[in-house]
């Protein structure tokens, strides 16, 4: 059996996750917002050479398996598109009820169109 090693550029290590409450509060307080049909993205500069991400999902949104699937899809979307995402930002993805049942391709299109928006790069 041959072991396939994933290139580091496609990894989603701990350094790409935001888990510190202080950082999350800073995004809520000072972050700018981008709105899409299925989710909202709050973002703030982080002063690092990488971008980091965290998710906010309301328990009333759907059952736990559906919420977890949505999180997995967006985490994978972030992992595969890291090169297209501007560096030096912290992102907080807030899910809306419209995300339930969406395919990976639909979410990817929505995510990349949102980030390509001119307003995002004007600061």
Protein backbone atom coordinates (compact mmCIF):
# COMPACT_ATOMS: atom_id res chain seq x y z
CA UNK A 1 0.00 0.00 0.00
CA UNK A 2 1.42 3.36 -1.02
CA UNK A 3 0.89 6.31 1.29
CA UNK A 4 -0.04 9.55 -0.43
CA UNK A 5 1.20 12.67 1.33
CA UNK A 6 -0.81 15.84 0.85
CA UNK A 7 1.24 18.92 -0.13
CA UNK A 8 1.51 21.40 2.74
CA UNK A 9 -0.05 24.17 0.64
CA UNK A 10 -3.38 22.31 0.78
CA UNK A 11 -3.30 21.62 4.51
CA UNK A 12 -5.62 23.12 7.08
CA UNK A 13 -3.47 23.19 10.18
CA UNK A 14 -4.10 24.79 13.53
CA UNK A 15 -2.48 28.05 12.41
CA UNK A 16 -5.40 28.66 10.00
CA UNK A 17 -8.05 28.38 12.72
CA UNK A 18 -9.20 31.12 15.07
CA UNK A 19 -10.03 29.72 18.49
CA UNK A 20 -9.04 32.54 20.83
CA UNK A 21 -12.14 34.31 22.19
CA UNK A 22 -10.29 37.64 22.13
CA UNK A 23 -9.69 37.34 18.37
CA UNK A 24 -13.32 36.40 17.72
CA UNK A 25 -14.57 39.36 19.76
CA UNK A 26 -12.28 41.65 17.77
CA UNK A 27 -13.81 40.41 14.51
CA UNK A 28 -17.35 40.98 15.83
CA UNK A 29 -16.46 44.45 17.11
CA UNK A 30 -14.27 45.86 14.32
CA UNK A 31 -14.95 43.58 11.37
CA UNK A 32 -16.40 44.66 8.07
CA UNK A 33 -19.11 42.49 6.58
CA UNK A 34 -19.76 40.86 3.23
CA UNK A 35 -23.16 39.30 2.63
CA UNK A 36 -24.01 36.37 0.40
CA UNK A 37 -27.18 34.32 0.06
CA UNK A 38 -26.00 31.43 2.25
CA UNK A 39 -23.59 33.11 4.67
CA UNK A 40 -22.02 36.35 5.82
CA UNK A 41 -18.30 36.97 6.15
CA UNK A 42 -16.97 39.34 8.80
CA UNK A 43 -13.32 40.13 8.32
CA UNK A 44 -10.58 42.19 9.92
CA UNK A 45 -6.84 42.56 9.27
CA UNK A 46 -4.79 40.34 11.55
CA UNK A 47 -1.21 41.52 10.94
CA UNK A 48 -0.07 37.98 10.09
CA UNK A 49 1.24 36.55 6.83
CA UNK A 50 -1.68 34.09 6.64
CA UNK A 51 -5.45 34.34 6.75
CA UNK A 52 -7.38 32.50 9.46
CA UNK A 53 -10.99 31.39 9.67
CA UNK A 54 -13.70 30.46 12.18
CA UNK A 55 -17.38 29.64 11.91
CA UNK A 56 -20.50 30.77 13.73
CA UNK A 57 -23.55 28.53 13.44
CA UNK A 58 -26.78 29.11 15.33
CA UNK A 59 -28.15 25.93 16.90
CA UNK A 60 -31.63 26.81 15.63
CA UNK A 61 -30.37 26.69 12.05
CA UNK A 62 -30.75 22.93 11.56
CA UNK A 63 -29.91 19.60 13.13
CA UNK A 64 -26.32 18.94 14.20
CA UNK A 65 -25.46 16.70 11.21
CA UNK A 66 -26.64 19.39 8.76
CA UNK A 67 -24.73 22.12 10.60
CA UNK A 68 -21.60 19.96 10.68
CA UNK A 69 -21.86 19.21 6.95
CA UNK A 70 -22.12 22.92 6.18
CA UNK A 71 -19.03 23.59 8.33
CA UNK A 72 -17.11 20.80 6.61
CA UNK A 73 -18.00 22.14 3.16
CA UNK A 74 -16.87 25.68 3.96
CA UNK A 75 -13.72 24.49 5.72
CA UNK A 76 -12.84 22.46 2.63
CA UNK A 77 -13.66 25.42 0.42
CA UNK A 78 -11.26 27.59 2.42
CA UNK A 79 -8.57 24.89 2.37
CA UNK A 80 -8.69 24.39 -1.41
CA UNK A 81 -8.86 28.11 -2.23
CA UNK A 82 -6.27 29.48 0.21
CA UNK A 83 -4.17 30.83 -2.66
CA UNK A 84 -7.12 32.92 -3.94
CA UNK A 85 -7.94 34.38 -0.52
CA UNK A 86 -6.10 37.58 0.45
CA UNK A 87 -3.45 37.06 3.16
CA UNK A 88 -3.42 38.88 6.47
CA UNK A 89 -7.12 38.66 7.39
CA UNK A 90 -9.21 36.91 10.00
CA UNK A 91 -12.53 35.66 8.65
CA UNK A 92 -15.65 34.79 10.63
CA UNK A 93 -18.22 32.92 8.54
CA UNK A 94 -21.77 33.30 9.87
CA UNK A 95 -24.17 30.73 8.43
CA UNK A 96 -27.68 31.54 7.21
CA UNK A 97 -30.49 28.98 6.88
CA UNK A 98 -30.09 29.04 3.07
CA UNK A 99 -26.79 27.15 3.38
CA UNK A 100 -28.54 23.89 4.28
CA UNK A 101 -28.68 21.56 1.29
CA UNK A 102 -26.31 23.58 -0.93
CA UNK A 103 -23.69 21.74 -2.96
CA UNK A 104 -19.95 22.34 -2.69
CA UNK A 105 -19.83 23.88 -6.19
CA UNK A 106 -22.66 26.32 -5.41
CA UNK A 107 -21.00 27.42 -2.17
CA UNK A 108 -17.60 27.75 -3.86
CA UNK A 109 -19.06 29.97 -6.58
CA UNK A 110 -20.81 32.14 -3.99
CA UNK A 111 -17.67 32.38 -1.82
CA UNK A 112 -15.28 33.30 -4.64
CA UNK A 113 -17.70 35.84 -6.15
CA UNK A 114 -18.03 37.48 -2.76
CA UNK A 115 -14.26 37.72 -2.26
CA UNK A 116 -13.77 39.04 -5.80
CA UNK A 117 -16.03 41.97 -4.91
CA UNK A 118 -14.12 45.27 -5.30
CA UNK A 119 -15.27 46.56 -1.91
CA UNK A 120 -13.32 43.82 -0.14
CA UNK A 121 -9.97 45.07 -1.42
CA UNK A 122 -10.67 48.78 -0.80
CA UNK A 123 -9.73 49.71 2.74
